[in-house]
């Protein structure tokens, strides 16, 4: 309002940084933690802004084959609100084109930023994390500068296995009513037709290939 003091851009940044830090430090464990992490979905879109606000922060960009993402998103949204999903997309086939366009745009943008920040951003493929969890976790913890001993890695892996998170189901044992539906890469082979796969690759093929998904 006219006549009242105005915040400068620097002051606004300080307030935003302070607010985020206050929330991150709220959990009891944060008081003694060597590092505090945050994993809001789509936070990768804010990496450049967060990097400016937190100059000492490290970033982990986890990617997954977009075609598997499309299948996972379809079942996830069907579980949450099948009626609303049906209004938007009558079938998984109908979702392929918009998903491929969105996925390739977002993933390419974040991957490009990470390539300019090799000391601050580490890219991890979901498929590698599933196939070689100990190696990937050890590398991640080393990048973050936190403990990466065998006991620490094994403890983290056990705490985050699909069996633990799903309440006892083995990976691959599907429950469409659960947030943790299946827990294995490659579900596109079970649900996408040859035409779906061809269309997805026609739209997002360059990004898929860039990340090693051929």
C-alpha atoms as a PDB file:
ATOM      1  CA  UNK A   1       0.000   0.000   0.000  1.00  0.00           C
ATOM      2  CA  UNK A   2       1.224   3.474  -0.834  1.00  0.00           C
ATOM      3  CA  UNK A   3       2.950   5.227   2.047  1.00  0.00           C
ATOM      4  CA  UNK A   4       3.997   2.043   3.839  1.00  0.00           C
ATOM      5  CA  UNK A   5       7.540   0.598   3.801  1.00  0.00           C
ATOM      6  CA  UNK A   6       8.085  -2.054   1.135  1.00  0.00           C
ATOM      7  CA  UNK A   7      10.113  -5.243   1.389  1.00  0.00           C
ATOM      8  CA  UNK A   8      13.074  -5.433  -0.962  1.00  0.00           C
ATOM      9  CA  UNK A   9      13.589  -8.544  -3.093  1.00  0.00           C
ATOM     10  CA  UNK A  10      16.447  -9.544  -0.798  1.00  0.00           C
ATOM     11  CA  UNK A  11      14.231  -9.238   2.269  1.00  0.00           C
ATOM     12  CA  UNK A  12      11.515 -11.348   0.656  1.00  0.00           C
ATOM     13  CA  UNK A  13      14.095 -14.031  -0.158  1.00  0.00           C
ATOM     14  CA  UNK A  14      15.267 -13.949   3.460  1.00  0.00           C
ATOM     15  CA  UNK A  15      11.714 -14.387   4.748  1.00  0.00           C
ATOM     16  CA  UNK A  16      11.000 -17.277   2.389  1.00  0.00           C
ATOM     17  CA  UNK A  17      14.294 -18.987   3.284  1.00  0.00           C
ATOM     18  CA  UNK A  18      13.617 -18.557   6.989  1.00  0.00           C
ATOM     19  CA  UNK A  19      10.089 -19.959   6.663  1.00  0.00           C
ATOM     20  CA  UNK A  20      11.283 -23.037   4.764  1.00  0.00           C
ATOM     21  CA  UNK A  21      14.151 -23.627   7.210  1.00  0.00           C
ATOM     22  CA  UNK A  22      11.781 -23.303  10.164  1.00  0.00           C
ATOM     23  CA  UNK A  23       9.499 -26.002   8.743  1.00  0.00           C
ATOM     24  CA  UNK A  24      12.412 -28.310   7.902  1.00  0.00           C
ATOM     25  CA  UNK A  25      13.781 -27.987  11.425  1.00  0.00           C
ATOM     26  CA  UNK A  26      10.397 -28.658  13.102  1.00  0.00           C
ATOM     27  CA  UNK A  27      10.603 -32.494  13.417  1.00  0.00           C
ATOM     28  CA  UNK A  28      12.397 -33.607  16.632  1.00  0.00           C
ATOM     29  CA  UNK A  29      15.021 -35.590  14.707  1.00  0.00           C
ATOM     30  CA  UNK A  30      16.074 -32.477  12.796  1.00  0.00           C
ATOM     31  CA  UNK A  31      17.724 -31.022  15.908  1.00  0.00           C
ATOM     32  CA  UNK A  32      20.510 -33.630  15.800  1.00  0.00           C
ATOM     33  CA  UNK A  33      20.526 -34.504  12.089  1.00  0.00           C
ATOM     34  CA  UNK A  34      23.609 -33.951   9.924  1.00  0.00           C
ATOM     35  CA  UNK A  35      21.358 -33.279   6.928  1.00  0.00           C
ATOM     36  CA  UNK A  36      17.657 -32.542   6.530  1.00  0.00           C
ATOM     37  CA  UNK A  37      15.864 -33.613   3.352  1.00  0.00           C
ATOM     38  CA  UNK A  38      12.658 -32.549   1.629  1.00  0.00           C
ATOM     39  CA  UNK A  39      10.813 -34.511  -1.036  1.00  0.00           C
ATOM     40  CA  UNK A  40       7.636 -32.740  -2.080  1.00  0.00           C
ATOM     41  CA  UNK A  41       6.469 -34.000  -5.509  1.00  0.00           C
ATOM     42  CA  UNK A  42       7.499 -31.696  -8.336  1.00  0.00           C
ATOM     43  CA  UNK A  43       9.991 -29.892  -6.088  1.00  0.00           C
ATOM     44  CA  UNK A  44      12.502 -30.453  -8.897  1.00  0.00           C
ATOM     45  CA  UNK A  45      10.772 -27.657 -10.814  1.00  0.00           C
ATOM     46  CA  UNK A  46      11.928 -25.290  -8.070  1.00  0.00           C
ATOM     47  CA  UNK A  47      15.567 -26.475  -7.962  1.00  0.00           C
ATOM     48  CA  UNK A  48      16.999 -23.203  -9.386  1.00  0.00           C
ATOM     49  CA  UNK A  49      15.035 -21.081  -6.916  1.00  0.00           C
ATOM     50  CA  UNK A  50      15.901 -23.315  -3.966  1.00  0.00           C
ATOM     51  CA  UNK A  51      19.559 -23.343  -5.011  1.00  0.00           C
ATOM     52  CA  UNK A  52      19.595 -19.549  -4.822  1.00  0.00           C
ATOM     53  CA  UNK A  53      17.837 -19.489  -1.443  1.00  0.00           C
ATOM     54  CA  UNK A  54      20.018 -22.264   0.023  1.00  0.00           C
ATOM     55  CA  UNK A  55      23.534 -21.930  -1.437  1.00  0.00           C
ATOM     56  CA  UNK A  56      24.841 -24.932   0.534  1.00  0.00           C
ATOM     57  CA  UNK A  57      22.008 -27.305  -0.388  1.00  0.00           C
ATOM     58  CA  UNK A  58      22.487 -30.468  -2.441  1.00  0.00           C
ATOM     59  CA  UNK A  59      19.861 -31.773  -4.875  1.00  0.00           C
ATOM     60  CA  UNK A  60      18.893 -35.304  -5.867  1.00  0.00           C
ATOM     61  CA  UNK A  61      17.015 -35.673  -9.132  1.00  0.00           C
ATOM     62  CA  UNK A  62      15.360 -39.110  -9.266  1.00  0.00           C
ATOM     63  CA  UNK A  63      14.075 -40.061 -12.710  1.00  0.00           C
ATOM     64  CA  UNK A  64      12.087 -43.026 -13.957  1.00  0.00           C
ATOM     65  CA  UNK A  65      11.220 -44.351 -17.397  1.00  0.00           C
ATOM     66  CA  UNK A  66       8.347 -42.118 -18.503  1.00  0.00           C
ATOM     67  CA  UNK A  67       6.353 -45.029 -19.862  1.00  0.00           C
ATOM     68  CA  UNK A  68       6.364 -46.707 -16.454  1.00  0.00           C
ATOM     69  CA  UNK A  69       5.452 -43.323 -14.954  1.00  0.00           C
ATOM     70  CA  UNK A  70       2.417 -43.164 -17.234  1.00  0.00           C
ATOM     71  CA  UNK A  71       1.220 -46.591 -16.106  1.00  0.00           C
ATOM     72  CA  UNK A  72       1.857 -45.781 -12.448  1.00  0.00           C
ATOM     73  CA  UNK A  73       0.058 -42.438 -12.733  1.00  0.00           C
ATOM     74  CA  UNK A  74      -2.917 -44.113 -14.392  1.00  0.00           C
ATOM     75  CA  UNK A  75      -3.419 -46.611 -11.558  1.00  0.00           C
ATOM     76  CA  UNK A  76      -2.665 -43.995  -8.886  1.00  0.00           C
ATOM     77  CA  UNK A  77      -5.305 -41.597 -10.217  1.00  0.00           C
ATOM     78  CA  UNK A  78      -7.782 -44.402 -10.756  1.00  0.00           C
ATOM     79  CA  UNK A  79      -7.363 -45.290  -7.098  1.00  0.00           C
ATOM     80  CA  UNK A  80      -7.840 -41.713  -5.900  1.00  0.00           C
ATOM     81  CA  UNK A  81     -10.788 -40.623  -8.073  1.00  0.00           C
ATOM     82  CA  UNK A  82     -11.824 -42.944 -10.911  1.00  0.00           C
ATOM     83  CA  UNK A  83     -14.851 -40.825 -11.820  1.00  0.00           C
ATOM     84  CA  UNK A  84     -12.841 -37.651 -12.300  1.00  0.00           C
ATOM     85  CA  UNK A  85     -10.136 -39.574 -14.161  1.00  0.00           C
ATOM     86  CA  UNK A  86     -12.724 -40.996 -16.545  1.00  0.00           C
ATOM     87  CA  UNK A  87     -13.866 -37.460 -17.360  1.00  0.00           C
ATOM     88  CA  UNK A  88     -10.315 -36.516 -18.332  1.00  0.00           C
ATOM     89  CA  UNK A  89      -9.099 -39.747 -19.933  1.00  0.00           C
ATOM     90  CA  UNK A  90     -11.322 -42.623 -20.970  1.00  0.00           C
ATOM     91  CA  UNK A  91      -8.436 -45.079 -20.957  1.00  0.00           C
ATOM     92  CA  UNK A  92      -4.708 -45.438 -20.399  1.00  0.00           C
ATOM     93  CA  UNK A  93      -4.252 -45.184 -24.172  1.00  0.00           C
ATOM     94  CA  UNK A  94      -5.788 -41.705 -24.111  1.00  0.00           C
ATOM     95  CA  UNK A  95      -3.294 -40.568 -21.472  1.00  0.00           C
ATOM     96  CA  UNK A  96      -0.158 -41.509 -23.392  1.00  0.00           C
ATOM     97  CA  UNK A  97       0.184 -38.380 -25.547  1.00  0.00           C
ATOM     98  CA  UNK A  98      -0.346 -35.718 -22.839  1.00  0.00           C
ATOM     99  CA  UNK A  99       1.746 -37.644 -20.333  1.00  0.00           C
ATOM    100  CA  UNK A 100       4.661 -38.055 -22.742  1.00  0.00           C
ATOM    101  CA  UNK A 101       4.602 -34.342 -23.533  1.00  0.00           C
ATOM    102  CA  UNK A 102       4.474 -33.305 -19.876  1.00  0.00           C
ATOM    103  CA  UNK A 103       7.031 -35.865 -18.671  1.00  0.00           C
ATOM    104  CA  UNK A 104       9.586 -35.039 -21.355  1.00  0.00           C
ATOM    105  CA  UNK A 105       9.294 -31.286 -20.743  1.00  0.00           C
ATOM    106  CA  UNK A 106       9.649 -31.458 -16.955  1.00  0.00           C
ATOM    107  CA  UNK A 107      12.356 -34.124 -16.886  1.00  0.00           C
ATOM    108  CA  UNK A 108      14.424 -32.462 -19.615  1.00  0.00           C
ATOM    109  CA  UNK A 109      14.270 -29.096 -17.849  1.00  0.00           C
ATOM    110  CA  UNK A 110      15.425 -30.513 -14.530  1.00  0.00           C
ATOM    111  CA  UNK A 111      18.107 -32.729 -16.072  1.00  0.00           C
ATOM    112  CA  UNK A 112      19.490 -29.754 -17.990  1.00  0.00           C
ATOM    113  CA  UNK A 113      19.756 -27.724 -14.783  1.00  0.00           C
ATOM    114  CA  UNK A 114      21.454 -30.596 -12.970  1.00  0.00           C
ATOM    115  CA  UNK A 115      24.046 -30.855 -15.732  1.00  0.00           C
ATOM    116  CA  UNK A 116      25.037 -27.251 -15.033  1.00  0.00           C
ATOM    117  CA  UNK A 117      25.394 -28.018 -11.302  1.00  0.00           C
ATOM    118  CA  UNK A 118      27.497 -31.215 -11.159  1.00  0.00           C
ATOM    119  CA  UNK A 119      28.746 -30.551  -7.614  1.00  0.00           C
ATOM    120  CA  UNK A 120      25.276 -29.741  -6.268  1.00  0.00           C
ATOM    121  CA  UNK A 121      22.912 -32.072  -8.125  1.00  0.00           C
ATOM    122  CA  UNK A 122      23.040 -35.850  -8.508  1.00  0.00           C
ATOM    123  CA  UNK A 123      20.816 -37.695 -10.971  1.00  0.00           C
ATOM    124  CA  UNK A 124      19.590 -41.140  -9.944  1.00  0.00           C
ATOM    125  CA  UNK A 125      17.542 -43.546 -12.025  1.00  0.00           C
ATOM    126  CA  UNK A 126      14.783 -45.340 -10.132  1.00  0.00           C
ATOM    127  CA  UNK A 127      15.610 -48.535 -11.997  1.00  0.00           C
ATOM    128  CA  UNK A 128      19.230 -48.442 -10.782  1.00  0.00           C
ATOM    129  CA  UNK A 129      18.066 -47.793  -7.222  1.00  0.00           C
ATOM    130  CA  UNK A 130      15.865 -50.897  -7.367  1.00  0.00           C
ATOM    131  CA  UNK A 131      18.496 -53.077  -9.050  1.00  0.00           C
ATOM    132  CA  UNK A 132      21.517 -51.986  -6.984  1.00  0.00           C
ATOM    133  CA  UNK A 133      20.192 -50.285  -3.842  1.00  0.00           C
ATOM    134  CA  UNK A 134      23.350 -50.556  -1.751  1.00  0.00           C
ATOM    135  CA  UNK A 135      25.643 -49.130  -4.434  1.00  0.00           C
ATOM    136  CA  UNK A 136      23.274 -46.276  -5.262  1.00  0.00           C
ATOM    137  CA  UNK A 137      22.608 -45.401  -1.609  1.00  0.00           C
ATOM    138  CA  UNK A 138      26.319 -45.442  -0.781  1.00  0.00           C
ATOM    139  CA  UNK A 139      26.983 -43.090  -3.677  1.00  0.00           C
ATOM    140  CA  UNK A 140      24.097 -40.837  -2.647  1.00  0.00           C
ATOM    141  CA  UNK A 141      25.207 -40.617   0.968  1.00  0.00           C
ATOM    142  CA  UNK A 142      28.751 -39.844  -0.133  1.00  0.00           C
ATOM    143  CA  UNK A 143      27.436 -37.045  -2.340  1.00  0.00           C
ATOM    144  CA  UNK A 144      25.463 -35.629   0.600  1.00  0.00           C
ATOM    145  CA  UNK A 145      28.446 -35.860   2.920  1.00  0.00           C
ATOM    146  CA  UNK A 146      26.700 -38.064   5.491  1.00  0.00           C
ATOM    147  CA  UNK A 147      27.551 -41.463   6.951  1.00  0.00           C
ATOM    148  CA  UNK A 148      27.699 -44.189   4.303  1.00  0.00           C
ATOM    149  CA  UNK A 149      28.953 -47.236   6.203  1.00  0.00           C
ATOM    150  CA  UNK A 150      27.592 -50.677   5.414  1.00  0.00           C
ATOM    151  CA  UNK A 151      25.382 -50.668   8.512  1.00  0.00           C
ATOM    152  CA  UNK A 152      23.874 -47.283   7.639  1.00  0.00           C
ATOM    153  CA  UNK A 153      23.190 -48.296   4.038  1.00  0.00           C
ATOM    154  CA  UNK A 154      21.679 -51.630   5.062  1.00  0.00           C
ATOM    155  CA  UNK A 155      19.448 -49.971   7.662  1.00  0.00           C
ATOM    156  CA  UNK A 156      18.135 -47.420   5.186  1.00  0.00           C
ATOM    157  CA  UNK A 157      17.537 -50.087   2.557  1.00  0.00           C
ATOM    158  CA  UNK A 158      15.573 -52.268   4.993  1.00  0.00           C
ATOM    159  CA  UNK A 159      13.461 -49.312   6.125  1.00  0.00           C
ATOM    160  CA  UNK A 160      12.477 -48.452   2.553  1.00  0.00           C
ATOM    161  CA  UNK A 161      11.935 -51.837   0.927  1.00  0.00           C
ATOM    162  CA  UNK A 162       8.668 -52.394  -0.893  1.00  0.00           C
ATOM    163  CA  UNK A 163       7.835 -55.174   1.544  1.00  0.00           C
ATOM    164  CA  UNK A 164       8.203 -52.795   4.498  1.00  0.00           C
ATOM    165  CA  UNK A 165       6.277 -49.922   2.925  1.00  0.00           C
ATOM    166  CA  UNK A 166       3.466 -52.116   1.579  1.00  0.00           C
ATOM    167  CA  UNK A 167       2.868 -53.907   4.854  1.00  0.00           C
ATOM    168  CA  UNK A 168       4.399 -57.232   3.920  1.00  0.00           C
ATOM    169  CA  UNK A 169       3.814 -57.776   0.190  1.00  0.00           C
ATOM    170  CA  UNK A 170       6.729 -58.861  -1.977  1.00  0.00           C
ATOM    171  CA  UNK A 171       7.727 -56.631  -4.883  1.00  0.00           C
ATOM    172  CA  UNK A 172       5.614 -57.576  -7.888  1.00  0.00           C
ATOM    173  CA  UNK A 173       2.648 -58.671  -5.742  1.00  0.00           C
ATOM    174  CA  UNK A 174       0.112 -56.119  -6.928  1.00  0.00           C
ATOM    175  CA  UNK A 175      -2.576 -54.335  -4.925  1.00  0.00           C
ATOM    176  CA  UNK A 176      -4.330 -51.662  -6.992  1.00  0.00           C
ATOM    177  CA  UNK A 177      -5.943 -50.203  -3.863  1.00  0.00           C
ATOM    178  CA  UNK A 178      -2.576 -49.376  -2.302  1.00  0.00           C
ATOM    179  CA  UNK A 179      -0.304 -46.372  -2.832  1.00  0.00           C
ATOM    180  CA  UNK A 180       2.477 -48.964  -3.041  1.00  0.00           C
ATOM    181  CA  UNK A 181       0.868 -50.889  -5.877  1.00  0.00           C
ATOM    182  CA  UNK A 182       3.546 -53.128  -7.378  1.00  0.00           C
ATOM    183  CA  UNK A 183       7.076 -51.962  -6.633  1.00  0.00           C
ATOM    184  CA  UNK A 184       8.917 -53.154  -9.742  1.00  0.00           C
ATOM    185  CA  UNK A 185      10.182 -51.364 -12.865  1.00  0.00           C
ATOM    186  CA  UNK A 186       8.983 -52.411 -16.300  1.00  0.00           C
ATOM    187  CA  UNK A 187       5.206 -52.371 -15.799  1.00  0.00           C
ATOM    188  CA  UNK A 188       4.865 -50.705 -19.207  1.00  0.00           C
ATOM    189  CA  UNK A 189       5.383 -54.159 -20.728  1.00  0.00           C
ATOM    190  CA  UNK A 190       2.207 -55.323 -18.996  1.00  0.00           C
ATOM    191  CA  UNK A 191      -0.057 -52.419 -19.905  1.00  0.00           C
ATOM    192  CA  UNK A 192       1.160 -50.451 -22.930  1.00  0.00           C
ATOM    193  CA  UNK A 193       0.410 -51.622 -26.435  1.00  0.00           C
ATOM    194  CA  UNK A 194       2.956 -51.438 -29.214  1.00  0.00           C
ATOM    195  CA  UNK A 195       1.122 -48.377 -30.517  1.00  0.00           C
ATOM    196  CA  UNK A 196       1.252 -46.741 -27.066  1.00  0.00           C
ATOM    197  CA  UNK A 197       4.976 -47.353 -26.806  1.00  0.00           C
ATOM    198  CA  UNK A 198       5.606 -46.028 -30.309  1.00  0.00           C
ATOM    199  CA  UNK A 199       3.593 -42.869 -29.622  1.00  0.00           C
ATOM    200  CA  UNK A 200       5.316 -42.239 -26.301  1.00  0.00           C
ATOM    201  CA  UNK A 201       8.737 -42.646 -27.852  1.00  0.00           C
ATOM    202  CA  UNK A 202       7.811 -40.395 -30.782  1.00  0.00           C
ATOM    203  CA  UNK A 203       7.076 -37.582 -28.318  1.00  0.00           C
ATOM    204  CA  UNK A 204       9.584 -38.232 -25.532  1.00  0.00           C
ATOM    205  CA  UNK A 205      12.153 -40.409 -27.270  1.00  0.00           C
ATOM    206  CA  UNK A 206      14.986 -37.881 -27.130  1.00  0.00           C
ATOM    207  CA  UNK A 207      14.667 -37.506 -23.361  1.00  0.00           C
ATOM    208  CA  UNK A 208      14.234 -41.262 -22.836  1.00  0.00           C
ATOM    209  CA  UNK A 209      17.377 -41.939 -24.830  1.00  0.00           C
ATOM    210  CA  UNK A 210      19.286 -39.172 -23.036  1.00  0.00           C
ATOM    211  CA  UNK A 211      18.594 -40.959 -19.744  1.00  0.00           C
ATOM    212  CA  UNK A 212      19.403 -44.403 -21.097  1.00  0.00           C
ATOM    213  CA  UNK A 213      15.839 -45.614 -21.677  1.00  0.00           C
ATOM    214  CA  UNK A 214      15.908 -47.073 -25.159  1.00  0.00           C
END
